Amino acid sequence: MESLAPLLAVDPQVEILLFGGGTQMTPVDPAVRAHLREAGIVVEPMDTGAACRTYSILAAEARRVAAALIAID
């Protein structure tokens, strides 16, 4: 939860966090998901490629989006 502090401090607040879990979708821990939901942030897990593409689309729509990405070799 400590590592989420910078995300929660952004102004204006992020509304969507895309989590790119590498080559496959990785589930987000329910406690982390609940913590983010309480802050008004929806977390969407997906593979990293999909997260990058989705980020580009949402950013182009001026949505308040952030991404946490695991690199793919």
Protein backbone atom coordinates (compact mmCIF):
# COMPACT_ATOMS: atom_id res chain seq x y z
CA MET A 1 0.00 0.00 0.00
CA GLU A 2 2.93 2.28 0.74
CA SER A 3 4.05 2.20 -2.89
CA LEU A 4 0.63 3.51 -3.96
CA ALA A 5 1.09 6.81 -2.08
CA PRO A 6 2.46 8.76 -5.10
CA LEU A 7 -0.48 7.60 -7.21
CA LEU A 8 -2.95 8.75 -4.57
CA ALA A 9 -1.23 12.14 -4.25
CA VAL A 10 -1.59 13.13 -7.92
CA ASP A 11 -3.79 16.15 -8.59
CA PRO A 12 -6.07 15.88 -10.44
CA GLN A 13 -6.69 12.40 -9.13
CA VAL A 14 -6.24 9.40 -11.39
CA GLU A 15 -9.54 7.66 -12.15
CA ILE A 16 -8.22 4.53 -13.88
CA LEU A 17 -5.06 2.54 -13.15
CA LEU A 18 -4.08 0.06 -15.84
CA PHE A 19 -1.93 -2.78 -14.51
CA GLY A 20 0.13 -4.50 -17.18
CA GLY A 21 1.24 -7.82 -15.73
CA GLY A 22 3.76 -8.88 -18.39
CA THR A 23 2.86 -11.40 -21.08
CA GLN A 24 -0.38 -12.37 -19.39
CA MET A 25 -3.01 -10.80 -17.19
CA THR A 26 -2.06 -10.95 -13.53
CA PRO A 27 -4.84 -10.56 -10.94
CA VAL A 28 -4.62 -7.62 -8.56
CA ASP A 29 -4.63 -8.44 -4.86
CA PRO A 30 -8.16 -7.86 -3.49
CA ALA A 31 -6.82 -5.68 -0.65
CA VAL A 32 -5.02 -3.42 -3.15
CA ARG A 33 -8.11 -3.27 -5.36
CA ALA A 34 -10.27 -2.31 -2.35
CA HIS A 35 -7.77 0.34 -1.23
CA LEU A 36 -7.78 1.93 -4.67
CA ARG A 37 -11.56 1.70 -4.95
CA GLU A 38 -11.89 3.59 -1.64
CA ALA A 39 -9.75 6.33 -3.20
CA GLY A 40 -12.03 6.43 -6.26
CA ILE A 41 -9.60 4.64 -8.58
CA VAL A 42 -10.63 1.70 -10.75
CA VAL A 43 -7.81 -0.79 -11.40
CA GLU A 44 -7.87 -2.81 -14.62
CA PRO A 45 -5.44 -5.73 -14.92
CA MET A 46 -4.36 -6.87 -18.39
CA ASP A 47 -1.22 -7.94 -20.21
CA THR A 48 1.36 -5.19 -20.69
CA GLY A 49 0.78 -4.78 -24.43
CA ALA A 50 -2.95 -4.30 -23.92
CA ALA A 51 -2.29 -1.89 -21.05
CA CYS A 52 -0.05 0.25 -23.27
CA ARG A 53 -2.60 0.36 -26.08
CA THR A 54 -5.45 1.11 -23.68
CA TYR A 55 -3.42 3.84 -21.99
CA SER A 56 -2.83 5.56 -25.34
CA ILE A 57 -6.54 5.51 -26.17
CA LEU A 58 -7.67 6.78 -22.76
CA ALA A 59 -4.98 9.47 -22.63
CA ALA A 60 -6.03 10.67 -26.12
CA GLU A 61 -9.56 10.99 -24.72
CA ALA A 62 -8.14 13.20 -21.91
CA ARG A 63 -9.09 10.62 -19.28
CA ARG A 64 -7.24 10.68 -15.97
CA VAL A 65 -5.35 7.42 -16.46
CA ALA A 66 -2.11 5.94 -15.11
CA ALA A 67 -0.33 2.69 -15.86
CA ALA A 68 1.83 0.33 -13.81
CA LEU A 69 3.66 -1.90 -16.25
CA ILE A 70 5.84 -5.00 -15.99
CA ALA A 71 8.27 -5.02 -18.92
CA ILE A 72 8.14 -7.72 -21.56
CA ASP A 73 11.44 -9.07 -22.90
